[in-house]
Amino acid sequence: MPRFARSTPPGTLQHVIARFVDRERRLRCEEERTEYLMRLGPAIAGSDWKLVSYAVMSSHLHWAAVAGTMPFGQLVKGLHSGFANWLNRRQGRLGPVFAHRPTTLNVELVAARWLISYQHNNPVRAGVVDRASECGWTSHRAYLGLEDSPPWLSTDLGLELAGFSADSVGRGQFDRFANADNRESGDDAMTGGDLCRAREDARRHTRCPVEVGYPTLAGQALVYPITGSAPRWEGSLGDIVDAVSEQSGVAVSAIRCPTRRPQIVAARRLVVLVARLLGITQQEVGQELRVSREAVSLLARRSGHSAVEVAEGMAKRISGATPDGPRAASWIRRLA
């Protein structure tokens, strides 16, 4: 299954969630939690992101940050691969530490106070302590001035986003809000829900092969952007293969043959892009080209801008109508 497109626009508040494999409690002591924070700090300081809160739990990690221009993958890859290697050496283990790539959730600023409070109350919900201020696993004590705030943690910015002043009065008000906000409801919204479930719901609703993007948390509700929802073209996949063959000069039999010659791969990729623009599913395209769904997805993801432009023009000619430009382009960029 292809990955969902990640969206971390600069200036947006992001909720980052990283879970350990099988939800195992890999962090077993303060030294291991401290090691993660000692690595997180330089990673943030070396980027243009601003970290506003964190929670380092035994089985998973949370942090909230205002996104910068540095790609999220560039920020987190070295951090988590280095920490995973360190933790395996320390515990005498081998294999992956983190389950999949981290989740990122766009959070509207109106929900910032609930996000930070949600992170700080993780130890309370886990039954570790009765109040957020009693645990050093989160940034809550730094928010209250009970511990020194490291230079890479922007507590003043976090308080501002949450609607509280950075003086003693504002910090006390935030603490009272966090204590009152300690509840079980809203966990699914705060952690981004289930992207796969949202996609299937969207497909059932639209009856089209749509995709959903990473959601935005607006208040207590998740809003998923939907792309590729143009009506499906009712023509034949064979017509698409014939059109690509005529334009590229590659024989139809060669397009349906699993050879890796560059010219033939380019023609096969064009078939995939045009078919997807016209609403045809990956499974159907794979059956036509005699390749797997994974191969179809790989062809689409490795498409350059020039191939996309050619595919859009061909989709318009084949269908006899103008495809929905913004949605079509968005669909391709998600796969590219």
Protein backbone atom coordinates (compact mmCIF):
# COMPACT_ATOMS: atom_id res chain seq x y z
CA MET A 1 0.00 0.00 0.00
CA PRO A 2 1.48 3.43 -0.91
CA ARG A 3 2.23 5.84 1.89
CA PHE A 4 -0.09 8.72 2.60
CA ALA A 5 1.32 12.08 1.60
CA ARG A 6 2.71 13.96 4.60
CA SER A 7 1.77 17.62 4.98
CA THR A 8 3.80 19.87 7.30
CA PRO A 9 3.43 23.41 5.89
CA PRO A 10 5.86 25.94 7.42
CA GLY A 11 4.29 27.88 10.29
CA THR A 12 1.74 25.20 11.18
CA LEU A 13 1.55 23.46 14.54
CA GLN A 14 2.40 19.76 14.19
CA HIS A 15 1.65 16.91 16.57
CA VAL A 16 4.34 14.25 16.10
CA ILE A 17 3.71 10.72 17.37
CA ALA A 18 6.27 7.90 17.24
CA ARG A 19 5.43 4.45 18.59
CA PHE A 20 7.75 1.58 19.38
CA VAL A 21 7.30 -1.78 17.65
CA ASP A 22 4.35 -3.78 19.01
CA ARG A 23 3.69 -0.92 21.47
CA GLU A 24 6.46 -2.41 23.57
CA ARG A 25 7.72 -0.42 26.56
CA ARG A 26 11.22 0.14 25.27
CA LEU A 27 12.02 3.10 27.54
CA ARG A 28 12.59 1.61 30.96
CA CYS A 29 14.41 4.26 32.97
CA GLU A 30 15.16 7.97 33.21
CA GLU A 31 18.54 7.57 31.53
CA GLU A 32 16.89 6.28 28.35
CA ARG A 33 14.33 9.10 28.33
CA THR A 34 17.07 11.64 28.94
CA GLU A 35 19.10 10.22 26.05
CA TYR A 36 16.20 10.74 23.66
CA LEU A 37 15.77 14.36 24.79
CA MET A 38 19.52 14.94 24.51
CA ARG A 39 19.26 13.90 20.87
CA LEU A 40 15.99 15.72 20.21
CA GLY A 41 17.44 19.03 21.38
CA PRO A 42 20.29 19.27 18.83
CA ALA A 43 17.99 18.02 16.05
CA ILE A 44 15.55 20.87 16.74
CA ALA A 45 18.33 23.41 17.26
CA GLY A 46 19.85 22.43 13.92
CA SER A 47 16.57 23.10 12.10
CA ASP A 48 14.14 25.99 11.75
CA TRP A 49 11.41 24.11 13.64
CA LYS A 50 10.34 25.31 17.10
CA LEU A 51 9.54 22.63 19.70
CA VAL A 52 6.79 23.69 22.11
CA SER A 53 6.07 20.50 24.13
CA TYR A 54 6.91 16.83 24.48
CA ALA A 55 6.01 13.62 26.30
CA VAL A 56 8.49 10.73 26.44
CA MET A 57 6.44 7.69 27.41
CA SER A 58 7.56 4.08 27.81
CA SER A 59 5.86 2.82 24.63
CA HIS A 60 5.64 5.95 22.49
CA LEU A 61 6.76 9.54 22.05
CA HIS A 62 4.92 12.80 21.48
CA TRP A 63 6.11 16.25 20.60
CA ALA A 64 4.49 19.39 19.29
CA ALA A 65 6.37 21.86 17.12
CA VAL A 66 5.81 24.78 14.80
CA ALA A 67 7.01 23.53 11.41
CA GLY A 68 9.82 25.22 9.55
CA THR A 69 10.98 24.91 5.96
CA MET A 70 13.20 21.89 6.67
CA PRO A 71 11.40 18.71 5.52
CA PHE A 72 10.13 16.70 8.46
CA GLY A 73 11.82 13.53 7.19
CA GLN A 74 15.19 15.27 7.17
CA LEU A 75 14.63 16.46 10.73
CA VAL A 76 13.55 13.15 12.22
CA LYS A 77 15.43 10.49 10.25
CA GLY A 78 18.85 10.93 11.85
CA LEU A 79 17.32 11.54 15.26
CA HIS A 80 15.33 8.30 15.37
CA SER A 81 17.83 6.07 13.56
CA GLY A 82 20.61 7.20 15.88
CA PHE A 83 18.50 6.76 18.99
CA ALA A 84 17.30 3.32 17.84
CA ASN A 85 20.90 2.16 17.39
CA TRP A 86 21.85 3.51 20.82
CA LEU A 87 18.87 1.86 22.52
CA ASN A 88 19.51 -1.52 20.89
CA ARG A 89 23.16 -1.45 21.96
CA ARG A 90 22.21 -0.52 25.50
CA GLN A 91 19.57 -3.23 25.78
CA GLY A 92 21.51 -5.87 23.86
CA ARG A 93 18.89 -6.20 21.15
CA LEU A 94 18.64 -6.22 17.35
CA GLY A 95 15.98 -5.16 14.89
CA PRO A 96 13.66 -2.19 14.41
CA VAL A 97 12.77 0.01 17.37
CA PHE A 98 10.14 2.33 15.90
CA ALA A 99 6.92 1.06 14.35
CA HIS A 100 6.60 2.62 10.89
CA ARG A 101 7.37 6.29 10.31
CA PRO A 102 6.12 8.91 12.79
CA THR A 103 2.62 10.31 12.43
CA THR A 104 2.30 14.06 11.92
CA LEU A 105 -0.99 15.84 12.54
CA ASN A 106 -1.74 19.42 11.53
CA VAL A 107 -3.28 21.20 14.53
CA GLU A 108 -5.14 24.49 14.16
CA LEU A 109 -3.90 27.09 16.62
CA VAL A 110 -7.29 27.22 18.32
CA ALA A 111 -6.60 23.64 19.49
CA ALA A 112 -3.04 24.29 20.72
CA ARG A 113 -3.98 24.36 24.41
CA TRP A 114 -5.74 21.01 24.14
CA LEU A 115 -2.81 19.46 22.28
CA ILE A 116 -0.20 20.57 24.81
CA SER A 117 -2.45 19.59 27.70
CA TYR A 118 -3.10 16.21 26.07
CA GLN A 119 0.64 15.53 25.82
CA HIS A 120 1.35 16.65 29.38
CA ASN A 121 -1.44 14.44 30.72
CA ASN A 122 -0.13 11.26 29.12
CA PRO A 123 1.47 10.04 32.39
CA VAL A 124 -1.79 10.80 34.23
CA ARG A 125 -3.84 8.76 31.80
CA ALA A 126 -1.27 5.96 32.07
CA GLY A 127 -1.72 5.89 35.85
CA VAL A 128 1.88 6.89 36.56
CA VAL A 129 0.95 10.03 38.55
CA ASP A 130 -2.17 11.87 39.69
CA ARG A 131 -1.23 15.27 38.28
CA ALA A 132 0.84 16.33 35.29
CA SER A 133 3.19 18.40 37.47
CA GLU A 134 4.27 15.27 39.36
CA CYS A 135 6.03 13.65 36.38
CA GLY A 136 9.25 14.58 34.61
CA TRP A 137 8.44 12.62 31.45
CA THR A 138 6.84 15.67 29.81
CA SER A 139 7.58 19.37 29.42
CA HIS A 140 4.86 20.32 31.91
CA ARG A 141 7.23 21.07 34.80
CA ALA A 142 9.26 23.35 32.52
CA TYR A 143 6.02 25.18 31.67
CA LEU A 144 5.40 25.79 35.37
CA GLY A 145 8.97 26.87 36.08
CA LEU A 146 9.54 23.87 38.36
CA GLU A 147 12.45 22.82 36.14
CA ASP A 148 14.76 24.83 33.89
CA SER A 149 13.55 24.92 30.31
CA PRO A 150 16.26 23.78 27.86
CA PRO A 151 17.15 26.33 25.17
CA TRP A 152 15.57 24.19 22.41
CA LEU A 153 12.16 24.07 24.15
CA SER A 154 10.00 27.14 23.39
CA THR A 155 7.75 27.20 26.45
CA ASP A 156 6.90 30.89 26.06
CA LEU A 157 5.74 30.23 22.51
CA GLY A 158 3.73 27.23 23.68
CA LEU A 159 1.99 29.29 26.35
CA GLU A 160 1.28 32.03 23.82
CA LEU A 161 -0.23 29.54 21.35
CA ALA A 162 -2.30 28.05 24.17
CA GLY A 163 -3.61 31.49 25.12
CA PHE A 164 -1.75 32.00 28.41
CA SER A 165 0.82 34.58 29.46
CA ALA A 166 4.39 33.53 30.25
CA ASP A 167 4.35 35.06 33.75
CA SER A 168 3.60 33.19 36.95
CA VAL A 169 -0.10 33.94 36.69
CA GLY A 170 -0.35 32.56 33.17
CA ARG A 171 1.65 29.45 34.08
CA GLY A 172 -0.67 28.80 37.02
CA GLN A 173 -3.71 29.21 34.79
CA PHE A 174 -2.24 26.73 32.32
CA ASP A 175 -1.61 24.22 35.10
CA ARG A 176 -5.22 24.49 36.28
CA PHE A 177 -6.43 24.09 32.70
CA ALA A 178 -4.29 20.98 32.21
CA ASN A 179 -5.61 19.44 35.44
CA ALA A 180 -9.20 20.15 34.41
CA ASP A 181 -8.55 18.86 30.88
CA ASN A 182 -7.40 15.42 32.04
CA ARG A 183 -9.98 13.25 30.34
CA GLU A 184 -10.12 10.15 28.19
CA SER A 185 -12.33 11.57 25.44
CA GLY A 186 -10.80 12.99 22.28
CA ASP A 187 -7.81 10.65 22.18
CA ASP A 188 -8.60 9.52 18.63
CA ALA A 189 -8.77 13.12 17.43
CA MET A 190 -5.59 14.14 19.24
CA THR A 191 -3.63 11.26 17.68
CA GLY A 192 -4.94 11.72 14.14
CA GLY A 193 -7.46 8.91 13.95
CA ASP A 194 -7.02 6.18 11.37
CA LEU A 195 -5.97 7.29 7.88
CA CYS A 196 -6.79 3.93 6.32
CA ARG A 197 -10.27 3.92 7.84
CA ALA A 198 -10.86 7.51 6.71
CA ARG A 199 -9.82 6.60 3.16
CA GLU A 200 -12.21 3.66 3.03
CA ASP A 201 -15.04 5.82 4.41
CA ALA A 202 -14.34 8.45 1.75
CA ARG A 203 -14.33 5.84 -1.02
CA ARG A 204 -17.65 4.41 0.13
CA HIS A 205 -19.15 7.88 0.31
CA THR A 206 -17.95 9.10 -3.09
CA ARG A 207 -17.95 5.70 -4.85
CA CYS A 208 -14.70 6.79 -6.47
CA PRO A 209 -11.04 5.76 -5.90
CA VAL A 210 -10.26 8.84 -3.79
CA GLU A 211 -7.39 9.37 -1.37
CA VAL A 212 -7.25 11.29 1.89
CA GLY A 213 -4.39 13.38 3.15
CA TYR A 214 -3.08 13.79 6.67
CA PRO A 215 -5.87 15.40 8.70
CA THR A 216 -6.04 18.73 10.46
CA LEU A 217 -7.23 18.90 14.05
CA ALA A 218 -9.82 21.68 14.21
CA GLY A 219 -11.09 21.98 17.77
CA GLN A 220 -11.95 18.39 18.62
CA ALA A 221 -12.72 17.31 15.04
CA LEU A 222 -10.47 15.80 12.39
CA VAL A 223 -10.75 17.22 8.87
CA TYR A 224 -9.29 15.02 6.12
CA PRO A 225 -8.51 16.62 2.73
CA ILE A 226 -9.83 14.46 -0.12
CA THR A 227 -8.10 14.31 -3.51
CA GLY A 228 -8.80 12.54 -6.78
CA SER A 229 -12.58 12.68 -6.39
CA ALA A 230 -13.38 13.45 -10.04
CA PRO A 231 -15.91 11.05 -11.65
CA ARG A 232 -14.45 7.90 -13.12
CA TRP A 233 -13.98 7.76 -16.88
CA GLU A 234 -16.06 4.96 -18.35
CA GLY A 235 -13.80 4.14 -21.29
CA SER A 236 -11.53 1.13 -21.83
CA LEU A 237 -8.06 0.73 -20.38
CA GLY A 238 -7.09 -0.74 -23.72
CA ASP A 239 -7.80 2.64 -25.33
CA ILE A 240 -5.30 4.25 -22.95
CA VAL A 241 -2.64 1.66 -23.78
CA ASP A 242 -3.26 2.17 -27.51
CA ALA A 243 -2.98 5.96 -27.16
CA VAL A 244 0.27 5.71 -25.20
CA SER A 245 1.65 3.24 -27.74
CA GLU A 246 0.87 5.62 -30.60
CA GLN A 247 2.44 8.61 -28.86
CA SER A 248 5.54 6.84 -27.50
CA GLY A 249 6.24 4.50 -30.39
CA VAL A 250 6.35 1.54 -27.99
CA ALA A 251 4.36 -1.48 -29.13
CA VAL A 252 1.29 -2.46 -27.10
CA SER A 253 2.77 -5.92 -26.52
CA ALA A 254 5.94 -4.33 -25.10
CA ILE A 255 3.96 -2.09 -22.72
CA ARG A 256 2.29 -5.21 -21.32
CA CYS A 257 5.64 -7.00 -21.03
CA PRO A 258 7.55 -6.73 -17.70
CA THR A 259 10.79 -5.50 -19.27
CA ARG A 260 12.86 -2.76 -17.62
CA ARG A 261 14.07 -0.99 -20.74
CA PRO A 262 13.81 2.76 -19.99
CA GLN A 263 11.64 3.62 -23.00
CA ILE A 264 9.16 0.85 -22.20
CA VAL A 265 9.07 1.70 -18.48
CA ALA A 266 8.34 5.34 -19.40
CA ALA A 267 5.43 4.24 -21.59
CA ARG A 268 4.09 1.97 -18.87
CA ARG A 269 4.36 4.83 -16.36
CA LEU A 270 2.38 7.08 -18.71
CA VAL A 271 -0.40 4.48 -18.87
CA VAL A 272 -0.49 4.41 -15.06
CA LEU A 273 -0.66 8.19 -14.72
CA VAL A 274 -3.35 8.67 -17.34
CA ALA A 275 -5.45 5.83 -15.92
CA ARG A 276 -5.19 7.17 -12.38
CA LEU A 277 -6.14 10.67 -13.54
CA LEU A 278 -9.24 9.18 -15.11
CA GLY A 279 -10.26 7.45 -11.87
CA ILE A 280 -9.21 3.87 -12.68
CA THR A 281 -8.03 1.86 -9.68
CA GLN A 282 -4.51 0.54 -9.18
CA GLN A 283 -5.80 -3.01 -9.21
CA GLU A 284 -7.42 -2.58 -12.63
CA VAL A 285 -4.28 -0.93 -14.04
CA GLY A 286 -2.15 -3.74 -12.67
CA GLN A 287 -4.36 -6.35 -14.30
CA GLU A 288 -4.15 -4.54 -17.65
CA LEU A 289 -0.35 -4.23 -17.50
CA ARG A 290 0.11 -7.66 -15.89
CA VAL A 291 1.95 -6.26 -12.88
CA SER A 292 1.14 -6.02 -9.17
CA ARG A 293 -0.61 -3.12 -7.45
CA GLU A 294 2.69 -2.37 -5.71
CA ALA A 295 4.41 -2.04 -9.09
CA VAL A 296 1.68 0.36 -10.26
CA SER A 297 2.14 2.45 -7.12
CA LEU A 298 5.92 2.49 -7.59
CA LEU A 299 5.61 3.66 -11.19
CA ALA A 300 3.36 6.53 -10.09
CA ARG A 301 5.52 7.58 -7.15
CA ARG A 302 8.60 7.84 -9.35
CA SER A 303 6.94 10.16 -11.88
CA GLY A 304 8.56 13.48 -12.68
CA HIS A 305 6.77 16.74 -13.42
CA SER A 306 7.22 16.37 -17.18
CA ALA A 307 5.55 12.95 -17.14
CA VAL A 308 2.67 14.39 -15.13
CA GLU A 309 2.15 17.22 -17.63
CA VAL A 310 2.11 14.78 -20.55
CA ALA A 311 -0.34 12.53 -18.70
CA GLU A 312 -2.70 15.42 -17.96
CA GLY A 313 -2.78 16.43 -21.60
CA MET A 314 -3.36 12.87 -22.75
CA ALA A 315 -6.11 12.31 -20.16
CA LYS A 316 -7.88 15.38 -21.53
CA ARG A 317 -7.65 14.14 -25.12
CA ILE A 318 -8.70 10.57 -24.32
CA SER A 319 -11.69 11.49 -22.17
CA GLY A 320 -12.87 14.26 -24.48
CA ALA A 321 -13.31 16.53 -21.46
CA THR A 322 -11.15 18.67 -19.23
CA PRO A 323 -10.15 16.73 -16.09
CA ASP A 324 -10.45 18.58 -12.81
CA GLY A 325 -7.06 20.27 -12.94
CA PRO A 326 -6.36 21.06 -9.28
CA ARG A 327 -7.61 17.72 -8.03
CA ALA A 328 -5.87 15.79 -10.79
CA ALA A 329 -2.57 17.57 -10.15
CA SER A 330 -2.96 17.10 -6.41
CA TRP A 331 -3.57 13.41 -6.92
CA ILE A 332 -0.38 13.01 -8.91
CA ARG A 333 1.73 15.03 -6.52
CA ARG A 334 0.57 12.74 -3.72
CA LEU A 335 1.89 9.74 -5.64
CA ALA A 336 5.01 11.36 -7.05
